Amino acid sequence: MPHLHDEVRTYLRQWRDHLPMAWRERLDGVEPDFDAVPRDASLDQDARIVPVRRNWGGVFYALEGIDPSDVDAIVIGNDPYPDPDRATGRSFEQGDLTEWIDDLAKPGRVTPSLLNLVCAAAALLPDAKGLGLDRDRLRDRRGKLRRGLQDGPVVLLPPRSMFENLTGQGVLWINRTPTISVSDTGRRRQGSSWQAIEEQRNWHRALWRPVTRAIVSSLVEDARQRPVVFVLFGGKARNLRGWIEAQGRRLSVPSANLRFVESGHPSVPRYFFCSGNPLERVNDELAAHGCEPIDWCGPTAGRMVTNDSTTRLSTTLRRTRGPAGPSTVRTVARFAAGALPRSIAIMDRTVGKYRMTLRQLAER
């Protein structure tokens, strides 16, 4: 019978080689705490560690396409979301969705947490203000969001593109427990994959604690020079605030640069929206400190006009924190002016994924 300690060591063999290059220096000298996993903890014969890296997604997926120095907001989740089979490695991203209208047509397909996050994003669109998508007592949030997509007030990027775009804008979606162990035998026996691995959840969290804390601590240190917004949804995430503030004091970070947006968990809308729209509050924190707000819905066909496209892409270059010269901005602007809406979305994802390359080109 396999043991969890052996399985996680195999899973994480040469784990540092799979880190995105931009994060390797931040995690230099940091190792998972293998001793936190009991050596006698057994697994079913068919047990596996998830998330498994497929054609996209994986344990370090949250770190891909974003330079640590470009992180403006960090959204901290707990476990592989929403369950092991649909986790991508980013907090709150659901890996089995394809198109919002089709997915929203099926009750329960979009999980409550993601649905409320998307409603919060859509509520920020000027034409969607009257839909009430961020009201705490709205009974038919899923139906109204779908009708808004069909009728036009709501225009969203596809599910996967939406998270890629937000990553490109400086939003880091990270889980405190990047992995979990599951068993098909346990699933059949217990009736749920989560019930089957509940006793091992804390061991996985302890295994990753040195790594996840090093990531968060490095972003706290970045706040010496610029504001960073820590987005804490739910009680477990909010419990981190004291530790983050203590790190700030230890690193002599100006308290004004450590910004927090807290709310109830997105799965419970009356708590999630109890202090207003949390995503709007993130933008308020950024704007109050002279930072560019986040376009939570992303560049979409329904909102794409020539001047806005030029401005938005120029802004994206500015967010790289590199000296993008006038010729660089003009080149991108000329392309933006004649590009199709889908090309605009692709460009934004590419800019986010290759920010370091863009900064190097801009400096030449």
Protein backbone atom coordinates (compact mmCIF):
# COMPACT_ATOMS: atom_id res chain seq x y z
CA MET A 1 0.00 0.00 0.00
CA PRO A 2 1.46 3.42 -0.94
CA HIS A 3 2.23 6.06 1.67
CA LEU A 4 1.49 9.75 1.35
CA HIS A 5 5.00 10.79 2.39
CA ASP A 6 6.54 8.76 -0.45
CA GLU A 7 3.95 9.93 -2.97
CA VAL A 8 4.45 13.63 -2.32
CA ARG A 9 8.22 13.23 -2.54
CA THR A 10 7.78 11.55 -5.92
CA TYR A 11 5.27 14.18 -7.04
CA LEU A 12 7.61 17.01 -6.05
CA ARG A 13 10.83 15.49 -7.29
CA GLN A 14 12.81 18.34 -8.92
CA TRP A 15 9.83 20.60 -8.24
CA ARG A 16 11.94 23.73 -8.58
CA ASP A 17 12.57 22.94 -12.27
CA HIS A 18 8.85 23.44 -12.88
CA LEU A 19 8.74 26.88 -11.30
CA PRO A 20 8.38 29.79 -13.73
CA MET A 21 11.76 31.48 -14.06
CA ALA A 22 10.51 34.78 -12.66
CA TRP A 23 9.70 33.14 -9.31
CA ARG A 24 12.77 30.96 -8.80
CA GLU A 25 14.85 33.67 -7.16
CA ARG A 26 11.98 34.50 -4.81
CA LEU A 27 11.92 30.88 -3.64
CA ASP A 28 15.67 30.33 -3.50
CA GLY A 29 16.47 28.20 -0.46
CA VAL A 30 12.82 27.42 0.25
CA GLU A 31 11.69 23.78 0.39
CA PRO A 32 8.37 22.06 1.04
CA ASP A 33 8.13 20.68 4.58
CA PHE A 34 8.16 16.96 3.86
CA ASP A 35 8.54 16.22 7.57
CA ALA A 36 5.05 17.64 8.12
CA VAL A 37 3.62 14.59 6.32
CA PRO A 38 3.49 11.50 8.56
CA ARG A 39 5.53 8.63 7.17
CA ASP A 40 2.87 6.09 8.13
CA ALA A 41 -0.07 7.86 6.43
CA SER A 42 -1.30 5.31 3.91
CA LEU A 43 -3.16 5.76 0.64
CA ASP A 44 -5.44 3.54 -1.40
CA GLN A 45 -3.72 1.72 -4.24
CA ASP A 46 -5.32 3.98 -6.85
CA ALA A 47 -4.65 7.21 -4.95
CA ARG A 48 -3.10 10.18 -6.75
CA ILE A 49 -1.92 13.69 -6.02
CA VAL A 50 -3.81 16.47 -7.82
CA PRO A 51 -3.87 18.72 -9.71
CA VAL A 52 -2.28 16.67 -12.48
CA ARG A 53 -0.68 18.82 -15.15
CA ARG A 54 -2.56 18.35 -18.39
CA ASN A 55 -2.34 20.51 -21.50
CA TRP A 56 -2.84 23.47 -19.18
CA GLY A 57 -3.06 23.99 -15.46
CA GLY A 58 -0.94 22.46 -12.72
CA VAL A 59 0.43 23.04 -9.26
CA PHE A 60 2.41 26.16 -10.26
CA TYR A 61 -0.07 27.42 -12.82
CA ALA A 62 -0.95 30.43 -10.65
CA LEU A 63 2.63 31.69 -11.03
CA GLU A 64 2.76 31.43 -14.80
CA GLY A 65 2.39 34.52 -16.94
CA ILE A 66 2.96 36.97 -14.10
CA ASP A 67 6.17 38.50 -12.80
CA PRO A 68 6.22 38.88 -9.00
CA SER A 69 7.15 42.55 -9.35
CA ASP A 70 3.95 43.09 -11.37
CA VAL A 71 1.54 41.70 -8.78
CA ASP A 72 -0.89 44.42 -7.74
CA ALA A 73 -3.49 42.17 -6.08
CA ILE A 74 -3.24 38.66 -4.66
CA VAL A 75 -6.41 36.58 -4.21
CA ILE A 76 -5.74 33.81 -1.68
CA GLY A 77 -7.78 30.62 -1.85
CA ASN A 78 -7.56 27.41 0.15
CA ASP A 79 -7.64 24.13 -1.80
CA PRO A 80 -7.65 22.93 -5.41
CA TYR A 81 -10.85 24.57 -6.64
CA PRO A 82 -13.67 23.63 -6.89
CA ASP A 83 -12.71 19.98 -6.50
CA PRO A 84 -9.65 17.92 -7.44
CA ASP A 85 -10.91 16.92 -10.89
CA ARG A 86 -11.67 20.48 -12.03
CA ALA A 87 -8.81 22.37 -10.38
CA THR A 88 -6.36 24.30 -12.55
CA GLY A 89 -3.91 25.52 -9.89
CA ARG A 90 -5.39 29.03 -9.69
CA SER A 91 -7.70 29.96 -6.85
CA PHE A 92 -11.38 30.08 -7.82
CA GLU A 93 -10.78 29.06 -11.45
CA GLN A 94 -12.98 26.19 -12.63
CA GLY A 95 -11.19 24.18 -15.30
CA ASP A 96 -14.14 22.43 -16.96
CA LEU A 97 -16.00 25.50 -18.26
CA THR A 98 -16.09 26.44 -21.94
CA GLU A 99 -18.58 29.26 -22.68
CA TRP A 100 -20.48 31.27 -20.10
CA ILE A 101 -23.89 31.20 -21.78
CA ASP A 102 -23.83 27.43 -22.28
CA ASP A 103 -22.39 26.71 -18.84
CA LEU A 104 -24.84 29.01 -17.06
CA ALA A 105 -27.75 27.25 -18.77
CA LYS A 106 -27.05 24.18 -16.63
CA PRO A 107 -27.90 24.65 -12.94
CA GLY A 108 -24.95 23.84 -10.73
CA ARG A 109 -22.37 23.67 -13.51
CA VAL A 110 -20.80 26.99 -12.52
CA THR A 111 -20.02 26.74 -8.81
CA PRO A 112 -21.52 29.36 -6.48
CA SER A 113 -18.15 30.93 -5.63
CA LEU A 114 -17.14 31.48 -9.23
CA LEU A 115 -20.65 32.57 -10.20
CA ASN A 116 -20.63 35.30 -7.56
CA LEU A 117 -17.14 36.43 -8.54
CA VAL A 118 -18.22 36.71 -12.18
CA CYS A 119 -21.38 38.57 -11.14
CA ALA A 120 -19.24 40.99 -9.13
CA ALA A 121 -17.07 41.56 -12.21
CA ALA A 122 -20.04 41.98 -14.56
CA ALA A 123 -21.72 44.42 -12.15
CA LEU A 124 -18.85 46.85 -12.80
CA LEU A 125 -19.75 47.14 -16.49
CA PRO A 126 -21.48 50.49 -17.11
CA ASP A 127 -24.34 48.92 -19.08
CA ALA A 128 -24.95 46.24 -16.43
CA LYS A 129 -25.52 48.57 -13.49
CA GLY A 130 -29.26 48.06 -13.56
CA LEU A 131 -29.13 44.27 -13.40
CA GLY A 132 -28.33 44.19 -9.70
CA LEU A 133 -25.79 41.42 -10.05
CA ASP A 134 -23.99 42.43 -6.86
CA ARG A 135 -27.05 42.80 -4.65
CA ASP A 136 -26.90 40.49 -1.68
CA ARG A 137 -30.51 39.25 -1.94
CA LEU A 138 -30.78 38.65 -5.65
CA ARG A 139 -32.61 35.33 -6.08
CA ASP A 140 -31.87 34.60 -9.73
CA ARG A 141 -28.24 35.69 -10.10
CA ARG A 142 -27.39 32.91 -12.54
CA GLY A 143 -30.41 33.61 -14.74
CA LYS A 144 -29.86 37.37 -14.77
CA LEU A 145 -26.20 36.96 -15.66
CA ARG A 146 -27.09 34.64 -18.53
CA ARG A 147 -29.80 36.98 -19.81
CA GLY A 148 -27.36 39.87 -19.55
CA LEU A 149 -24.91 37.94 -21.72
CA GLN A 150 -27.62 37.11 -24.25
CA ASP A 151 -29.11 40.61 -24.41
CA GLY A 152 -25.81 42.50 -24.48
CA PRO A 153 -25.35 44.52 -21.25
CA VAL A 154 -22.86 41.90 -20.05
CA VAL A 155 -19.88 40.98 -22.23
CA LEU A 156 -17.25 38.62 -20.83
CA LEU A 157 -14.19 36.85 -22.07
CA PRO A 158 -14.52 33.04 -22.14
CA PRO A 159 -13.84 31.42 -18.74
CA ARG A 160 -10.24 30.42 -19.36
CA SER A 161 -9.35 33.65 -21.16
CA MET A 162 -10.86 35.68 -18.35
CA PHE A 163 -8.41 34.36 -15.76
CA GLU A 164 -5.49 34.61 -18.16
CA ASN A 165 -6.35 38.25 -18.77
CA LEU A 166 -6.63 39.03 -15.07
CA THR A 167 -3.28 37.37 -14.46
CA GLY A 168 -1.84 39.58 -17.18
CA GLN A 169 -3.19 42.63 -15.35
CA GLY A 170 -1.34 41.76 -12.15
CA VAL A 171 -3.84 39.60 -10.25
CA LEU A 172 -2.25 36.55 -8.61
CA TRP A 173 -4.70 33.71 -7.88
CA ILE A 174 -2.94 31.44 -5.40
CA ASN A 175 -4.02 28.61 -3.10
CA ARG A 176 -2.62 27.98 0.37
CA THR A 177 -2.91 24.24 -0.30
CA PRO A 178 -1.85 23.73 -3.92
CA THR A 179 -2.22 19.92 -3.85
CA ILE A 180 -4.47 17.32 -2.33
CA SER A 181 -4.60 13.51 -2.45
CA VAL A 182 -7.64 11.70 -3.83
CA SER A 183 -8.67 8.12 -4.32
CA ASP A 184 -11.30 6.64 -6.62
CA THR A 185 -11.75 3.80 -4.15
CA GLY A 186 -12.31 6.28 -1.35
CA ARG A 187 -14.67 8.27 -3.53
CA ARG A 188 -16.88 5.24 -4.10
CA ARG A 189 -16.66 4.25 -0.44
CA GLN A 190 -17.33 7.68 1.02
CA GLY A 191 -19.46 9.10 -1.79
CA SER A 192 -17.22 12.13 -2.25
CA SER A 193 -13.61 12.72 -3.19
CA TRP A 194 -13.44 15.47 -0.54
CA GLN A 195 -14.62 13.16 2.24
CA ALA A 196 -12.06 10.61 1.17
CA ILE A 197 -9.10 12.97 1.63
CA GLU A 198 -10.35 15.21 4.46
CA GLU A 199 -7.91 13.76 7.01
CA GLN A 200 -4.96 14.52 4.72
CA ARG A 201 -5.89 18.09 3.81
CA ASN A 202 -3.99 19.65 6.72
CA TRP A 203 -0.88 17.62 5.91
CA HIS A 204 -0.86 18.99 2.37
CA ARG A 205 -1.26 22.52 3.70
CA ALA A 206 1.62 22.03 6.14
CA LEU A 207 3.74 20.53 3.35
CA TRP A 208 3.34 23.69 1.26
CA ARG A 209 3.39 26.24 4.08
CA PRO A 210 7.07 27.25 3.65
CA VAL A 211 6.53 27.80 -0.09
CA THR A 212 3.23 29.66 0.04
CA ARG A 213 4.39 31.82 2.93
CA ALA A 214 7.60 32.66 1.09
CA ILE A 215 5.53 33.78 -1.92
CA VAL A 216 3.24 35.97 0.19
CA SER A 217 6.15 37.30 2.27
CA SER A 218 8.04 38.32 -0.88
CA LEU A 219 5.01 40.31 -2.02
CA VAL A 220 4.79 41.93 1.40
CA GLU A 221 8.41 42.98 0.94
CA ASP A 222 7.53 44.42 -2.49
CA ALA A 223 5.07 46.67 -0.68
CA ARG A 224 8.04 48.67 0.59
CA GLN A 225 8.05 50.36 -2.83
CA ARG A 226 4.43 50.17 -3.97
CA PRO A 227 0.95 49.24 -2.74
CA VAL A 228 -0.10 45.59 -2.87
CA VAL A 229 -3.73 44.59 -2.26
CA PHE A 230 -4.31 41.35 -0.36
CA VAL A 231 -7.76 40.00 -1.20
CA LEU A 232 -9.07 37.77 1.58
CA PHE A 233 -12.38 36.00 0.93
CA GLY A 234 -13.80 33.91 3.76
CA GLY A 235 -12.74 33.25 7.33
CA LYS A 236 -9.73 31.05 6.56
CA ALA A 237 -8.23 33.65 4.25
CA ARG A 238 -9.00 36.52 6.62
CA ASN A 239 -7.08 34.70 9.35
CA LEU A 240 -3.93 35.45 7.36
CA ARG A 241 -4.22 39.19 7.82
CA GLY A 242 -2.50 39.23 11.20
CA TRP A 243 0.43 37.21 9.87
CA ILE A 244 0.73 39.45 6.78
CA GLU A 245 0.72 42.59 8.93
CA ALA A 246 3.37 41.04 11.22
CA GLN A 247 5.53 40.35 8.16
CA GLY A 248 5.08 43.96 7.13
CA ARG A 249 6.30 45.18 10.49
CA ARG A 250 9.25 42.78 10.40
CA LEU A 251 10.23 44.04 6.95
CA SER A 252 9.60 47.72 7.78
CA VAL A 253 6.90 48.04 5.14
CA PRO A 254 4.88 51.28 5.23
CA SER A 255 1.50 50.28 6.60
CA ALA A 256 -0.23 52.39 3.95
CA ASN A 257 1.18 50.11 1.25
CA LEU A 258 -0.34 46.95 2.73
CA ARG A 259 -3.92 47.17 1.52
CA PHE A 260 -6.62 44.63 2.39
CA VAL A 261 -9.99 43.82 0.89
CA GLU A 262 -11.93 41.37 3.04
CA SER A 263 -15.34 39.83 2.60
CA GLY A 264 -17.26 36.68 3.29
CA HIS A 265 -16.61 33.70 1.06
CA PRO A 266 -17.98 34.06 -2.49
CA SER A 267 -20.05 30.90 -2.03
CA VAL A 268 -22.39 32.85 0.29
CA PRO A 269 -23.51 36.01 -1.55
CA ARG A 270 -25.11 37.78 1.42
CA TYR A 271 -21.72 37.73 3.15
CA PHE A 272 -19.63 38.21 0.02
CA PHE A 273 -21.45 41.43 -0.92
CA CYS A 274 -22.18 42.61 2.63
CA SER A 275 -19.69 45.52 2.36
CA GLY A 276 -20.31 46.34 -1.28
CA ASN A 277 -18.76 44.81 -4.37
CA PRO A 278 -15.36 43.37 -3.29
CA LEU A 279 -13.87 43.70 -6.78
CA GLU A 280 -14.85 47.36 -6.93
CA ARG A 281 -13.20 47.81 -3.53
CA VAL A 282 -9.97 46.32 -4.94
CA ASN A 283 -10.06 48.91 -7.73
CA ASP A 284 -10.77 51.67 -5.22
CA GLU A 285 -7.68 50.67 -3.23
CA LEU A 286 -5.53 50.68 -6.37
CA ALA A 287 -6.91 53.97 -7.65
CA ALA A 288 -6.44 55.64 -4.26
CA HIS A 289 -2.72 54.94 -4.54
CA GLY A 290 -2.29 56.00 -8.15
CA CYS A 291 -2.38 52.48 -9.64
CA GLU A 292 -4.33 51.41 -12.69
CA PRO A 293 -7.64 49.72 -11.81
CA ILE A 294 -8.24 46.17 -12.98
CA ASP A 295 -10.60 45.50 -15.87
CA TRP A 296 -12.26 42.48 -14.27
CA CYS A 297 -14.24 41.54 -17.38
CA GLY A 298 -11.34 41.98 -19.78
CA PRO A 299 -11.23 43.40 -23.30
CA THR A 300 -14.34 42.20 -25.08
CA ALA A 301 -16.00 42.74 -28.45
CA GLY A 302 -19.01 44.58 -27.04
CA ARG A 303 -16.83 47.24 -25.42
CA MET A 304 -14.05 47.51 -28.02
CA VAL A 305 -13.70 50.82 -29.83
CA THR A 306 -10.58 52.19 -31.44
CA ASN A 307 -9.68 54.87 -28.90
CA ASP A 308 -10.40 52.67 -25.88
CA SER A 309 -8.31 49.85 -27.35
CA THR A 310 -5.35 52.15 -27.90
CA THR A 311 -5.61 53.58 -24.40
CA ARG A 312 -6.00 50.19 -22.76
CA LEU A 313 -3.04 48.62 -24.52
CA SER A 314 -0.87 51.62 -23.75
CA THR A 315 -1.94 51.25 -20.12
CA THR A 316 -1.01 47.56 -20.21
CA LEU A 317 2.48 48.48 -21.33
CA ARG A 318 2.73 51.01 -18.51
CA ARG A 319 1.76 48.29 -16.04
CA THR A 320 4.88 46.35 -17.01
CA ARG A 321 6.77 48.88 -14.84
CA GLY A 322 9.32 49.24 -17.60
CA PRO A 323 10.19 52.29 -19.71
CA ALA A 324 8.00 51.57 -22.73
CA GLY A 325 9.18 54.13 -25.27
CA PRO A 326 6.88 56.21 -27.48
CA SER A 327 7.70 54.13 -30.56
CA THR A 328 6.67 50.94 -28.75
CA VAL A 329 3.36 52.46 -27.69
CA ARG A 330 2.70 53.86 -31.17
CA THR A 331 3.40 50.46 -32.76
CA VAL A 332 0.97 48.68 -30.47
CA ALA A 333 -1.56 51.49 -30.84
CA ARG A 334 -1.50 51.26 -34.65
CA PHE A 335 -2.10 47.54 -34.42
CA ALA A 336 -4.89 48.03 -31.86
CA ALA A 337 -6.69 50.55 -34.02
CA GLY A 338 -7.26 48.05 -36.81
CA ALA A 339 -7.41 44.79 -34.90
CA LEU A 340 -10.48 42.61 -34.58
CA PRO A 341 -11.96 42.28 -31.08
CA ARG A 342 -10.69 38.72 -30.64
CA SER A 343 -7.22 39.84 -31.64
CA ILE A 344 -7.36 42.46 -28.90
CA ALA A 345 -8.11 39.78 -26.33
CA ILE A 346 -5.26 37.62 -27.63
CA MET A 347 -2.89 40.57 -27.49
CA ASP A 348 -3.76 41.29 -23.87
CA ARG A 349 -3.13 37.68 -22.88
CA THR A 350 0.18 37.71 -24.74
CA VAL A 351 1.25 40.98 -23.10
CA GLY A 352 0.47 39.49 -19.71
CA LYS A 353 2.31 36.26 -20.39
CA TYR A 354 5.45 37.84 -21.80
CA ARG A 355 5.79 40.99 -19.72
CA MET A 356 9.44 40.41 -19.01
CA THR A 357 10.19 40.17 -22.72
CA LEU A 358 8.27 43.38 -23.38
CA ARG A 359 10.23 45.21 -20.72
CA GLN A 360 13.53 44.05 -22.23
CA LEU A 361 12.45 45.16 -25.70
CA ALA A 362 11.27 48.51 -24.38
CA GLU A 363 14.63 49.17 -22.75
CA ARG A 364 16.58 48.65 -25.98
